[in-house]
Amino acid sequence: MMFEPGPRNLITDVAGLAVGNSQDARLKSGVTVVVCEEPAVAGVQVLGGAPGTRETDLLAPHNLVEGVHAVVLSGGSAFGLDAASSVQAALREKGVGFEVAGQRVPIIPAAILFDLANGGDKDWKGYPPYRELGHAAAKSAAIEFRLGSHGAGAGATTAKLKGGLGSASCVLPNGVTVGALVAVNPVGSPTIGETGHFWAAPFEVGAEFGGLGLPTPFPADARKVVTKLDSAAPGGNTTIGIVATDAKLNKAAARRLAIAAHDGFARAIWPAHTPFDGDLIFSLATGRSGVDLEMSASIELHAAAASVMARAIARGVFTAEKAEGDVFPVWSERHNGPEPI
């Protein structure tokens, strides 16, 4: 069964979601925020060995809070967690949040990636700049947003190439929409061997990340493990993402969706889920479709979660833009040049 993309091929094809980006070119870092029009059922699954998070414990199925108001993905390593507080402030200004003792409390889970050693100027004075970046990202949330070197993907890198912010979507036969958003910053590689072909190629729709398909013949060096640790250029790691649907899910089902989406990491990055990665996926279910899934349909939902996540990862790398001071080339620069990747 083929999963066709939604009208935008973005996570915002899932009704009830908007995305805001903010980045600083000199810093080579940024913040991405997914804002929920109404509280969304959420889950999370962490499979990397070096995560950095906020408000993930409350997403466990046995804990009290049933919905979240936004999710934040940020660069900046632990400094980037500041972004969630400013997103919380921006939403509170709009009267968003659960009412507690006469106060509005927005619930904002967050995750960060390490981009401190990517060639950007991190010599800030006073508190880190992620407060302002988070606030600006929340204020800019919209249905349309840019991919590649924007938001949390602004300073992302991979084993051999610049990373970026990626997104993709699909619509199931029952009308349910599934979307993914991801900041691609892994220790591993999204491309096969020394070629420009993406590991995610079997899931590509049209030419959304170049249309190259799989290499023929398949290169013998594809099995070689290449990571940032092999490179003279410094770099940190972590791929952080969000999978979303408009199906009706409870918290346990939302966590299962996040687990399934990690298959997209494994399909698109080699290697993934290492001790040096903080690989994490949040899940969101807006329920806007009104569809309660039966068992066979839930299998399709989980397959779609892996597919859209793999496609989003490749799109994030494919759309990355060259900038002064980069420590890695962008995919388009290497693929179109005289040298193979």
C-alpha atoms as a PDB file:
ATOM      1  CA  MET A   1       0.000   0.000   0.000  1.00  0.00           C
ATOM      2  CA  MET A   2       1.330   3.409  -1.000  1.00  0.00           C
ATOM      3  CA  PHE A   3       1.015   6.425   1.286  1.00  0.00           C
ATOM      4  CA  GLU A   4       0.532   9.635  -0.691  1.00  0.00           C
ATOM      5  CA  PRO A   5       1.619  12.962   0.849  1.00  0.00           C
ATOM      6  CA  GLY A   6      -0.788  15.598   2.098  1.00  0.00           C
ATOM      7  CA  PRO A   7      -1.240  18.900   0.243  1.00  0.00           C
ATOM      8  CA  ARG A   8       1.818  20.585   1.807  1.00  0.00           C
ATOM      9  CA  ASN A   9       3.925  17.488   2.537  1.00  0.00           C
ATOM     10  CA  LEU A  10       4.504  19.004   5.973  1.00  0.00           C
ATOM     11  CA  ILE A  11       3.529  18.064   9.513  1.00  0.00           C
ATOM     12  CA  THR A  12       0.987  20.893   9.359  1.00  0.00           C
ATOM     13  CA  ASP A  13      -1.132  18.746   7.046  1.00  0.00           C
ATOM     14  CA  VAL A  14      -2.250  17.297  10.386  1.00  0.00           C
ATOM     15  CA  ALA A  15      -5.177  19.530  11.311  1.00  0.00           C
ATOM     16  CA  GLY A  16      -4.700  21.533  14.488  1.00  0.00           C
ATOM     17  CA  LEU A  17      -0.935  22.122  14.272  1.00  0.00           C
ATOM     18  CA  ALA A  18       1.209  25.131  13.375  1.00  0.00           C
ATOM     19  CA  VAL A  19       5.014  25.395  13.237  1.00  0.00           C
ATOM     20  CA  GLY A  20       7.276  28.332  14.005  1.00  0.00           C
ATOM     21  CA  ASN A  21      11.003  28.671  13.314  1.00  0.00           C
ATOM     22  CA  SER A  22      13.584  31.111  14.594  1.00  0.00           C
ATOM     23  CA  GLN A  23      17.324  31.024  13.978  1.00  0.00           C
ATOM     24  CA  ASP A  24      20.477  33.103  14.290  1.00  0.00           C
ATOM     25  CA  ALA A  25      22.902  32.849  11.369  1.00  0.00           C
ATOM     26  CA  ARG A  26      25.896  33.992  13.410  1.00  0.00           C
ATOM     27  CA  LEU A  27      25.073  31.568  16.214  1.00  0.00           C
ATOM     28  CA  LYS A  28      24.363  28.768  13.688  1.00  0.00           C
ATOM     29  CA  SER A  29      21.523  27.520  15.834  1.00  0.00           C
ATOM     30  CA  GLY A  30      17.811  27.928  16.286  1.00  0.00           C
ATOM     31  CA  VAL A  31      14.477  26.768  17.644  1.00  0.00           C
ATOM     32  CA  THR A  32      11.427  25.085  16.144  1.00  0.00           C
ATOM     33  CA  VAL A  33       8.040  25.030  17.886  1.00  0.00           C
ATOM     34  CA  VAL A  34       4.956  22.965  17.085  1.00  0.00           C
ATOM     35  CA  VAL A  35       1.931  24.762  18.535  1.00  0.00           C
ATOM     36  CA  CYS A  36      -1.319  22.876  19.093  1.00  0.00           C
ATOM     37  CA  GLU A  37      -4.551  24.784  18.502  1.00  0.00           C
ATOM     38  CA  GLU A  38      -6.100  22.619  21.236  1.00  0.00           C
ATOM     39  CA  PRO A  39      -4.304  20.409  23.778  1.00  0.00           C
ATOM     40  CA  ALA A  40      -3.071  17.311  21.954  1.00  0.00           C
ATOM     41  CA  VAL A  41      -2.565  13.844  23.385  1.00  0.00           C
ATOM     42  CA  ALA A  42       1.186  13.261  23.460  1.00  0.00           C
ATOM     43  CA  GLY A  43       3.794  10.578  23.985  1.00  0.00           C
ATOM     44  CA  VAL A  44       7.556  10.217  23.775  1.00  0.00           C
ATOM     45  CA  GLN A  45      10.152   7.542  23.193  1.00  0.00           C
ATOM     46  CA  VAL A  46      13.893   8.035  23.797  1.00  0.00           C
ATOM     47  CA  LEU A  47      16.254   5.505  22.188  1.00  0.00           C
ATOM     48  CA  GLY A  48      19.510   7.477  22.058  1.00  0.00           C
ATOM     49  CA  GLY A  49      22.062   7.334  24.831  1.00  0.00           C
ATOM     50  CA  ALA A  50      22.558  11.094  25.335  1.00  0.00           C
ATOM     51  CA  PRO A  51      19.184  12.884  25.472  1.00  0.00           C
ATOM     52  CA  GLY A  52      18.425  16.366  26.732  1.00  0.00           C
ATOM     53  CA  THR A  53      14.765  16.933  27.611  1.00  0.00           C
ATOM     54  CA  ARG A  54      12.083  18.795  29.533  1.00  0.00           C
ATOM     55  CA  GLU A  55       8.631  17.596  30.674  1.00  0.00           C
ATOM     56  CA  THR A  56       8.964  14.075  29.269  1.00  0.00           C
ATOM     57  CA  ASP A  57       7.998  12.205  32.469  1.00  0.00           C
ATOM     58  CA  LEU A  58       4.498  13.669  32.437  1.00  0.00           C
ATOM     59  CA  LEU A  59       3.888  12.056  29.023  1.00  0.00           C
ATOM     60  CA  ALA A  60       3.975   8.542  30.511  1.00  0.00           C
ATOM     61  CA  PRO A  61       0.558   6.894  30.099  1.00  0.00           C
ATOM     62  CA  HIS A  62       0.093   6.496  33.865  1.00  0.00           C
ATOM     63  CA  ASN A  63       0.692  10.179  34.659  1.00  0.00           C
ATOM     64  CA  LEU A  64      -1.967  12.859  35.097  1.00  0.00           C
ATOM     65  CA  VAL A  65      -1.611  15.363  32.245  1.00  0.00           C
ATOM     66  CA  GLU A  66      -3.605  14.282  29.193  1.00  0.00           C
ATOM     67  CA  GLY A  67      -2.567  16.907  26.667  1.00  0.00           C
ATOM     68  CA  VAL A  68       0.160  19.378  25.711  1.00  0.00           C
ATOM     69  CA  HIS A  69      -0.020  22.843  24.182  1.00  0.00           C
ATOM     70  CA  ALA A  70       3.234  22.844  22.200  1.00  0.00           C
ATOM     71  CA  VAL A  71       6.459  20.912  21.660  1.00  0.00           C
ATOM     72  CA  VAL A  72       9.885  22.525  21.295  1.00  0.00           C
ATOM     73  CA  LEU A  73      12.916  21.282  19.359  1.00  0.00           C
ATOM     74  CA  SER A  74      16.039  23.364  19.941  1.00  0.00           C
ATOM     75  CA  GLY A  75      19.711  23.567  19.218  1.00  0.00           C
ATOM     76  CA  GLY A  76      22.155  24.687  21.883  1.00  0.00           C
ATOM     77  CA  SER A  77      22.588  21.508  23.910  1.00  0.00           C
ATOM     78  CA  ALA A  78      21.418  22.016  27.519  1.00  0.00           C
ATOM     79  CA  PHE A  79      21.362  25.795  26.971  1.00  0.00           C
ATOM     80  CA  GLY A  80      18.579  25.291  24.427  1.00  0.00           C
ATOM     81  CA  LEU A  81      16.151  24.105  27.079  1.00  0.00           C
ATOM     82  CA  ASP A  82      15.666  27.809  27.879  1.00  0.00           C
ATOM     83  CA  ALA A  83      13.587  28.004  24.704  1.00  0.00           C
ATOM     84  CA  ALA A  84      10.705  26.054  26.219  1.00  0.00           C
ATOM     85  CA  SER A  85      10.252  28.593  29.028  1.00  0.00           C
ATOM     86  CA  SER A  86       9.939  31.437  26.553  1.00  0.00           C
ATOM     87  CA  VAL A  87       7.480  29.464  24.418  1.00  0.00           C
ATOM     88  CA  GLN A  88       5.498  28.873  27.584  1.00  0.00           C
ATOM     89  CA  ALA A  89       5.537  32.616  28.252  1.00  0.00           C
ATOM     90  CA  ALA A  90       4.396  33.422  24.697  1.00  0.00           C
ATOM     91  CA  LEU A  91       1.448  31.028  24.941  1.00  0.00           C
ATOM     92  CA  ARG A  92       0.494  32.230  28.418  1.00  0.00           C
ATOM     93  CA  GLU A  93       0.320  35.769  27.014  1.00  0.00           C
ATOM     94  CA  LYS A  94      -2.408  34.441  24.692  1.00  0.00           C
ATOM     95  CA  GLY A  95      -4.319  32.846  27.553  1.00  0.00           C
ATOM     96  CA  VAL A  96      -3.266  29.327  26.531  1.00  0.00           C
ATOM     97  CA  GLY A  97      -2.795  26.682  29.226  1.00  0.00           C
ATOM     98  CA  PHE A  98      -4.526  24.521  31.767  1.00  0.00           C
ATOM     99  CA  GLU A  99      -6.247  26.483  34.524  1.00  0.00           C
ATOM    100  CA  VAL A 100      -4.657  25.766  37.898  1.00  0.00           C
ATOM    101  CA  ALA A 101      -5.554  27.837  40.982  1.00  0.00           C
ATOM    102  CA  GLY A 102      -6.623  30.726  38.786  1.00  0.00           C
ATOM    103  CA  GLN A 103      -3.469  30.613  36.641  1.00  0.00           C
ATOM    104  CA  ARG A 104      -2.898  29.445  33.070  1.00  0.00           C
ATOM    105  CA  VAL A 105      -0.108  26.867  32.770  1.00  0.00           C
ATOM    106  CA  PRO A 106       0.916  25.844  29.240  1.00  0.00           C
ATOM    107  CA  ILE A 107       2.490  22.364  29.099  1.00  0.00           C
ATOM    108  CA  ILE A 108       5.543  22.449  26.801  1.00  0.00           C
ATOM    109  CA  PRO A 109       7.734  19.330  26.448  1.00  0.00           C
ATOM    110  CA  ALA A 110      11.083  19.958  24.768  1.00  0.00           C
ATOM    111  CA  ALA A 111      14.220  18.275  23.485  1.00  0.00           C
ATOM    112  CA  ILE A 112      17.589  19.645  22.429  1.00  0.00           C
ATOM    113  CA  LEU A 113      20.408  18.703  20.077  1.00  0.00           C
ATOM    114  CA  PHE A 114      24.118  19.419  20.364  1.00  0.00           C
ATOM    115  CA  ASP A 115      25.294  22.032  17.848  1.00  0.00           C
ATOM    116  CA  LEU A 116      27.830  23.930  19.960  1.00  0.00           C
ATOM    117  CA  ALA A 117      30.819  22.927  17.797  1.00  0.00           C
ATOM    118  CA  ASN A 118      29.458  23.680  14.319  1.00  0.00           C
ATOM    119  CA  GLY A 119      31.404  26.844  13.485  1.00  0.00           C
ATOM    120  CA  GLY A 120      28.899  29.323  14.937  1.00  0.00           C
ATOM    121  CA  ASP A 121      29.691  32.079  17.430  1.00  0.00           C
ATOM    122  CA  LYS A 122      28.654  30.699  20.833  1.00  0.00           C
ATOM    123  CA  ASP A 123      30.389  33.413  22.871  1.00  0.00           C
ATOM    124  CA  TRP A 124      27.169  34.991  24.127  1.00  0.00           C
ATOM    125  CA  LYS A 125      27.118  37.301  27.108  1.00  0.00           C
ATOM    126  CA  GLY A 126      24.756  36.799  30.029  1.00  0.00           C
ATOM    127  CA  TYR A 127      22.035  34.215  29.563  1.00  0.00           C
ATOM    128  CA  PRO A 128      21.910  32.129  26.351  1.00  0.00           C
ATOM    129  CA  PRO A 129      19.994  33.496  23.322  1.00  0.00           C
ATOM    130  CA  TYR A 130      17.471  30.648  23.253  1.00  0.00           C
ATOM    131  CA  ARG A 131      14.943  32.617  25.312  1.00  0.00           C
ATOM    132  CA  GLU A 132      14.544  35.116  22.502  1.00  0.00           C
ATOM    133  CA  LEU A 133      14.701  32.443  19.808  1.00  0.00           C
ATOM    134  CA  GLY A 134      11.976  30.378  21.469  1.00  0.00           C
ATOM    135  CA  HIS A 135       9.696  33.367  21.940  1.00  0.00           C
ATOM    136  CA  ALA A 136      10.155  34.427  18.309  1.00  0.00           C
ATOM    137  CA  ALA A 137       9.502  30.888  17.055  1.00  0.00           C
ATOM    138  CA  ALA A 138       6.244  30.662  19.014  1.00  0.00           C
ATOM    139  CA  LYS A 139       5.113  34.045  17.703  1.00  0.00           C
ATOM    140  CA  SER A 140       5.789  32.993  14.093  1.00  0.00           C
ATOM    141  CA  ALA A 141       3.888  29.683  14.187  1.00  0.00           C
ATOM    142  CA  ALA A 142       1.973  29.109  10.959  1.00  0.00           C
ATOM    143  CA  ILE A 143       0.820  26.413   8.561  1.00  0.00           C
ATOM    144  CA  GLU A 144       3.687  27.076   6.125  1.00  0.00           C
ATOM    145  CA  PHE A 145       7.310  26.992   7.268  1.00  0.00           C
ATOM    146  CA  ARG A 146      10.761  26.474   5.789  1.00  0.00           C
ATOM    147  CA  LEU A 147      12.904  23.352   5.848  1.00  0.00           C
ATOM    148  CA  GLY A 148      16.665  22.820   5.789  1.00  0.00           C
ATOM    149  CA  SER A 149      18.843  25.361   7.600  1.00  0.00           C
ATOM    150  CA  HIS A 150      16.042  26.869   9.645  1.00  0.00           C
ATOM    151  CA  GLY A 151      14.771  26.563  13.178  1.00  0.00           C
ATOM    152  CA  ALA A 152      16.300  23.717  15.167  1.00  0.00           C
ATOM    153  CA  GLY A 153      17.992  22.510  11.980  1.00  0.00           C
ATOM    154  CA  ALA A 154      19.970  25.732  11.458  1.00  0.00           C
ATOM    155  CA  GLY A 155      23.185  24.310  12.899  1.00  0.00           C
ATOM    156  CA  ALA A 156      22.599  20.590  12.477  1.00  0.00           C
ATOM    157  CA  THR A 157      25.259  18.295  10.992  1.00  0.00           C
ATOM    158  CA  THR A 158      25.603  14.616  10.083  1.00  0.00           C
ATOM    159  CA  ALA A 159      28.600  12.311   9.662  1.00  0.00           C
ATOM    160  CA  LYS A 160      29.584  13.847   6.315  1.00  0.00           C
ATOM    161  CA  LEU A 161      27.085  16.572   5.491  1.00  0.00           C
ATOM    162  CA  LYS A 162      25.226  19.504   6.948  1.00  0.00           C
ATOM    163  CA  GLY A 163      21.928  18.424   8.495  1.00  0.00           C
ATOM    164  CA  GLY A 164      18.724  20.382   8.705  1.00  0.00           C
ATOM    165  CA  LEU A 165      15.044  20.580   9.531  1.00  0.00           C
ATOM    166  CA  GLY A 166      12.862  18.139   7.611  1.00  0.00           C
ATOM    167  CA  SER A 167       9.164  17.383   7.376  1.00  0.00           C
ATOM    168  CA  ALA A 168       6.830  15.097   5.431  1.00  0.00           C
ATOM    169  CA  SER A 169       3.256  13.844   5.548  1.00  0.00           C
ATOM    170  CA  CYS A 170       0.935  11.196   4.157  1.00  0.00           C
ATOM    171  CA  VAL A 171      -2.775  10.407   4.082  1.00  0.00           C
ATOM    172  CA  LEU A 172      -4.032   6.901   4.857  1.00  0.00           C
ATOM    173  CA  PRO A 173      -6.899   5.264   2.919  1.00  0.00           C
ATOM    174  CA  ASN A 174      -9.252   5.967   5.841  1.00  0.00           C
ATOM    175  CA  GLY A 175      -8.501   9.701   5.571  1.00  0.00           C
ATOM    176  CA  VAL A 176      -6.232   9.883   8.630  1.00  0.00           C
ATOM    177  CA  THR A 177      -3.188  12.140   8.150  1.00  0.00           C
ATOM    178  CA  VAL A 178       0.260  11.415   9.557  1.00  0.00           C
ATOM    179  CA  GLY A 179       3.115  13.914   9.580  1.00  0.00           C
ATOM    180  CA  ALA A 180       6.680  14.158  10.835  1.00  0.00           C
ATOM    181  CA  LEU A 181       9.022  16.985  11.747  1.00  0.00           C
ATOM    182  CA  VAL A 182      12.682  16.345  12.567  1.00  0.00           C
ATOM    183  CA  ALA A 183      15.935  18.170  13.281  1.00  0.00           C
ATOM    184  CA  VAL A 184      18.612  15.967  11.717  1.00  0.00           C
ATOM    185  CA  ASN A 185      21.885  16.040  13.660  1.00  0.00           C
ATOM    186  CA  PRO A 186      23.012  12.384  13.994  1.00  0.00           C
ATOM    187  CA  VAL A 187      26.409  10.857  14.653  1.00  0.00           C
ATOM    188  CA  GLY A 188      25.711   8.639  11.620  1.00  0.00           C
ATOM    189  CA  SER A 189      25.137   9.245   7.908  1.00  0.00           C
ATOM    190  CA  PRO A 190      21.899   9.728   5.927  1.00  0.00           C
ATOM    191  CA  THR A 191      23.600   8.744   2.642  1.00  0.00           C
ATOM    192  CA  ILE A 192      24.845   5.398   1.353  1.00  0.00           C
ATOM    193  CA  GLY A 193      28.595   4.875   1.273  1.00  0.00           C
ATOM    194  CA  GLU A 194      30.366   7.482  -0.829  1.00  0.00           C
ATOM    195  CA  THR A 195      27.275   8.171  -2.946  1.00  0.00           C
ATOM    196  CA  GLY A 196      24.657  10.896  -2.747  1.00  0.00           C
ATOM    197  CA  HIS A 197      21.845   8.336  -2.484  1.00  0.00           C
ATOM    198  CA  PHE A 198      19.763   8.470   0.676  1.00  0.00           C
ATOM    199  CA  TRP A 199      19.156   5.465   2.903  1.00  0.00           C
ATOM    200  CA  ALA A 200      15.520   6.594   2.934  1.00  0.00           C
ATOM    201  CA  ALA A 201      15.215   6.198  -0.858  1.00  0.00           C
ATOM    202  CA  PRO A 202      12.690   3.291  -0.812  1.00  0.00           C
ATOM    203  CA  PHE A 203      10.168   5.593   0.880  1.00  0.00           C
ATOM    204  CA  GLU A 204      10.654   8.668  -1.323  1.00  0.00           C
ATOM    205  CA  VAL A 205       7.579  10.160  -2.966  1.00  0.00           C
ATOM    206  CA  GLY A 206       8.319  11.744  -6.343  1.00  0.00           C
ATOM    207  CA  ALA A 207      11.622  13.592  -6.155  1.00  0.00           C
ATOM    208  CA  GLU A 208      11.150  15.147  -2.728  1.00  0.00           C
ATOM    209  CA  PHE A 209      14.816  14.535  -1.917  1.00  0.00           C
ATOM    210  CA  GLY A 210      16.378  14.259  -5.354  1.00  0.00           C
ATOM    211  CA  GLY A 211      14.655  11.216  -6.844  1.00  0.00           C
ATOM    212  CA  LEU A 212      17.901   9.244  -7.093  1.00  0.00           C
ATOM    213  CA  GLY A 213      16.538   5.991  -5.728  1.00  0.00           C
ATOM    214  CA  LEU A 214      18.998   3.371  -4.539  1.00  0.00           C
ATOM    215  CA  PRO A 215      22.473   3.114  -6.123  1.00  0.00           C
ATOM    216  CA  THR A 216      23.089   0.430  -8.732  1.00  0.00           C
ATOM    217  CA  PRO A 217      25.221  -1.519  -8.171  1.00  0.00           C
ATOM    218  CA  PHE A 218      24.897  -1.210  -4.426  1.00  0.00           C
ATOM    219  CA  PRO A 219      28.303   0.026  -3.172  1.00  0.00           C
ATOM    220  CA  ALA A 220      30.456  -2.406  -1.222  1.00  0.00           C
ATOM    221  CA  ASP A 221      31.392   0.351   1.256  1.00  0.00           C
ATOM    222  CA  ALA A 222      27.736   0.853   2.256  1.00  0.00           C
ATOM    223  CA  ARG A 223      28.314  -1.449   5.222  1.00  0.00           C
ATOM    224  CA  LYS A 224      31.178   0.694   6.502  1.00  0.00           C
ATOM    225  CA  VAL A 225      30.228   2.581   9.642  1.00  0.00           C
ATOM    226  CA  VAL A 226      31.024   6.273   9.130  1.00  0.00           C
ATOM    227  CA  THR A 227      30.335   8.735  11.940  1.00  0.00           C
ATOM    228  CA  LYS A 228      31.221  12.230  13.059  1.00  0.00           C
ATOM    229  CA  LEU A 229      33.735  10.621  15.382  1.00  0.00           C
ATOM    230  CA  ASP A 230      35.800   9.728  12.288  1.00  0.00           C
ATOM    231  CA  SER A 231      35.936  13.332  11.103  1.00  0.00           C
ATOM    232  CA  ALA A 232      38.500  15.967  11.936  1.00  0.00           C
ATOM    233  CA  ALA A 233      35.652  18.458  12.084  1.00  0.00           C
ATOM    234  CA  PRO A 234      34.087  18.772  15.528  1.00  0.00           C
ATOM    235  CA  GLY A 235      30.446  17.939  15.976  1.00  0.00           C
ATOM    236  CA  GLY A 236      27.779  16.793  18.376  1.00  0.00           C
ATOM    237  CA  ASN A 237      24.848  14.528  17.836  1.00  0.00           C
ATOM    238  CA  THR A 238      21.137  13.893  18.262  1.00  0.00           C
ATOM    239  CA  THR A 239      18.188  13.558  15.943  1.00  0.00           C
ATOM    240  CA  ILE A 240      15.014  14.858  17.565  1.00  0.00           C
ATOM    241  CA  GLY A 241      11.611  14.698  15.968  1.00  0.00           C
ATOM    242  CA  ILE A 242       7.841  14.759  16.240  1.00  0.00           C
ATOM    243  CA  VAL A 243       5.328  12.411  14.624  1.00  0.00           C
ATOM    244  CA  ALA A 244       1.745  13.622  14.557  1.00  0.00           C
ATOM    245  CA  THR A 245      -1.667  12.406  13.463  1.00  0.00           C
ATOM    246  CA  ASP A 246      -5.252  13.618  13.432  1.00  0.00           C
ATOM    247  CA  ALA A 247      -6.474  10.186  14.547  1.00  0.00           C
ATOM    248  CA  LYS A 248      -7.963   9.771  18.031  1.00  0.00           C
ATOM    249  CA  LEU A 249      -5.381   8.163  20.326  1.00  0.00           C
ATOM    250  CA  ASN A 250      -4.974   7.770  24.069  1.00  0.00           C
ATOM    251  CA  LYS A 251      -1.616   8.318  25.771  1.00  0.00           C
ATOM    252  CA  ALA A 252      -0.579   4.674  25.523  1.00  0.00           C
ATOM    253  CA  ALA A 253      -1.327   4.623  21.792  1.00  0.00           C
ATOM    254  CA  ALA A 254       0.514   7.912  21.347  1.00  0.00           C
ATOM    255  CA  ARG A 255       3.627   6.406  22.904  1.00  0.00           C
ATOM    256  CA  ARG A 256       3.316   3.385  20.636  1.00  0.00           C
ATOM    257  CA  LEU A 257       3.217   5.780  17.673  1.00  0.00           C
ATOM    258  CA  ALA A 258       6.473   7.400  18.830  1.00  0.00           C
ATOM    259  CA  ILE A 259       8.060   3.955  19.146  1.00  0.00           C
ATOM    260  CA  ALA A 260       7.017   3.066  15.592  1.00  0.00           C
ATOM    261  CA  ALA A 261       8.407   6.327  14.210  1.00  0.00           C
ATOM    262  CA  HIS A 262      11.874   5.380  15.475  1.00  0.00           C
ATOM    263  CA  ASP A 263      11.920   2.808  12.678  1.00  0.00           C
ATOM    264  CA  GLY A 264      12.167   5.830  10.396  1.00  0.00           C
ATOM    265  CA  PHE A 265      15.423   6.799  12.112  1.00  0.00           C
ATOM    266  CA  ALA A 266      16.786   3.306  11.479  1.00  0.00           C
ATOM    267  CA  ARG A 267      15.647   3.415   7.824  1.00  0.00           C
ATOM    268  CA  ALA A 268      17.214   6.809   7.137  1.00  0.00           C
ATOM    269  CA  ILE A 269      20.412   6.987   9.227  1.00  0.00           C
ATOM    270  CA  TRP A 270      23.308   4.519   9.525  1.00  0.00           C
ATOM    271  CA  PRO A 271      24.069   4.009  12.364  1.00  0.00           C
ATOM    272  CA  ALA A 272      21.240   5.334  14.545  1.00  0.00           C
ATOM    273  CA  HIS A 273      20.408   5.189  18.259  1.00  0.00           C
ATOM    274  CA  THR A 274      24.041   5.128  19.361  1.00  0.00           C
ATOM    275  CA  PRO A 275      25.304   5.980  22.868  1.00  0.00           C
ATOM    276  CA  PHE A 276      26.458   9.329  21.425  1.00  0.00           C
ATOM    277  CA  ASP A 277      23.022  10.258  20.044  1.00  0.00           C
ATOM    278  CA  GLY A 278      20.118  11.644  22.039  1.00  0.00           C
ATOM    279  CA  ASP A 279      17.582  10.229  19.590  1.00  0.00           C
ATOM    280  CA  LEU A 280      14.064  11.098  20.690  1.00  0.00           C
ATOM    281  CA  ILE A 281      10.619  11.273  19.114  1.00  0.00           C
ATOM    282  CA  PHE A 282       7.567  13.017  20.505  1.00  0.00           C
ATOM    283  CA  SER A 283       4.120  12.042  19.237  1.00  0.00           C
ATOM    284  CA  LEU A 284       1.017  14.206  18.984  1.00  0.00           C
ATOM    285  CA  ALA A 285      -2.581  13.184  18.294  1.00  0.00           C
ATOM    286  CA  THR A 286      -4.996  16.040  17.642  1.00  0.00           C
ATOM    287  CA  GLY A 287      -8.041  13.795  17.085  1.00  0.00           C
ATOM    288  CA  ARG A 288      -9.347  16.231  14.473  1.00  0.00           C
ATOM    289  CA  SER A 289     -10.279  13.444  12.004  1.00  0.00           C
ATOM    290  CA  GLY A 290     -12.615  11.870  14.564  1.00  0.00           C
ATOM    291  CA  VAL A 291     -11.337   8.428  13.531  1.00  0.00           C
ATOM    292  CA  ASP A 292     -10.886   5.707  16.157  1.00  0.00           C
ATOM    293  CA  LEU A 293      -8.523   3.149  14.664  1.00  0.00           C
ATOM    294  CA  GLU A 294      -9.185  -0.579  14.576  1.00  0.00           C
ATOM    295  CA  MET A 295      -6.251  -2.994  14.747  1.00  0.00           C
ATOM    296  CA  SER A 296      -5.584  -3.258  10.990  1.00  0.00           C
ATOM    297  CA  ALA A 297      -5.725   0.527  10.602  1.00  0.00           C
ATOM    298  CA  SER A 298      -3.347   1.007  13.539  1.00  0.00           C
ATOM    299  CA  ILE A 299      -0.781  -1.148  11.720  1.00  0.00           C
ATOM    300  CA  GLU A 300      -1.031   1.191   8.726  1.00  0.00           C
ATOM    301  CA  LEU A 301      -0.652   4.157  11.078  1.00  0.00           C
ATOM    302  CA  HIS A 302       2.571   2.749  12.534  1.00  0.00           C
ATOM    303  CA  ALA A 303       3.979   1.936   9.099  1.00  0.00           C
ATOM    304  CA  ALA A 304       3.153   5.452   7.960  1.00  0.00           C
ATOM    305  CA  ALA A 305       4.886   6.927  11.033  1.00  0.00           C
ATOM    306  CA  ALA A 306       8.150   5.200  10.088  1.00  0.00           C
ATOM    307  CA  SER A 307       7.785   6.174   6.433  1.00  0.00           C
ATOM    308  CA  VAL A 308       7.119   9.887   6.990  1.00  0.00           C
ATOM    309  CA  MET A 309       9.936  10.103   9.534  1.00  0.00           C
ATOM    310  CA  ALA A 310      12.450   8.534   7.112  1.00  0.00           C
ATOM    311  CA  ARG A 311      11.328  10.907   4.354  1.00  0.00           C
ATOM    312  CA  ALA A 312      11.496  13.915   6.673  1.00  0.00           C
ATOM    313  CA  ILE A 313      15.082  13.055   7.649  1.00  0.00           C
ATOM    314  CA  ALA A 314      16.210  12.898   4.030  1.00  0.00           C
ATOM    315  CA  ARG A 315      14.359  16.119   3.184  1.00  0.00           C
ATOM    316  CA  GLY A 316      16.074  17.924   6.056  1.00  0.00           C
ATOM    317  CA  VAL A 317      19.519  17.046   4.688  1.00  0.00           C
ATOM    318  CA  PHE A 318      18.524  17.560   1.047  1.00  0.00           C
ATOM    319  CA  THR A 319      17.282  21.122   1.650  1.00  0.00           C
ATOM    320  CA  ALA A 320      20.183  22.331   3.832  1.00  0.00           C
ATOM    321  CA  GLU A 321      21.744  25.605   2.700  1.00  0.00           C
ATOM    322  CA  LYS A 322      25.414  26.558   2.562  1.00  0.00           C
ATOM    323  CA  ALA A 323      26.552  29.328   4.906  1.00  0.00           C
ATOM    324  CA  GLU A 324      29.807  31.000   5.821  1.00  0.00           C
ATOM    325  CA  GLY A 325      31.796  29.125   8.439  1.00  0.00           C
ATOM    326  CA  ASP A 326      30.149  25.726   7.914  1.00  0.00           C
ATOM    327  CA  VAL A 327      32.233  22.755   9.048  1.00  0.00           C
ATOM    328  CA  PHE A 328      30.457  20.343   6.672  1.00  0.00           C
ATOM    329  CA  PRO A 329      29.288  20.724   3.056  1.00  0.00           C
ATOM    330  CA  VAL A 330      25.620  20.668   2.109  1.00  0.00           C
ATOM    331  CA  TRP A 331      24.201  17.785   0.070  1.00  0.00           C
ATOM    332  CA  SER A 332      23.559  19.883  -3.051  1.00  0.00           C
ATOM    333  CA  GLU A 333      27.092  21.267  -3.034  1.00  0.00           C
ATOM    334  CA  ARG A 334      28.702  17.830  -2.998  1.00  0.00           C
ATOM    335  CA  HIS A 335      26.234  16.055  -5.250  1.00  0.00           C
ATOM    336  CA  ASN A 336      26.483  18.629  -8.038  1.00  0.00           C
ATOM    337  CA  GLY A 337      30.246  19.009  -7.820  1.00  0.00           C
ATOM    338  CA  PRO A 338      33.043  17.017  -9.491  1.00  0.00           C
ATOM    339  CA  GLU A 339      33.686  14.922  -6.399  1.00  0.00           C
ATOM    340  CA  PRO A 340      31.377  12.219  -5.054  1.00  0.00           C
ATOM    341  CA  ILE A 341      30.012  12.693  -1.550  1.00  0.00           C
END
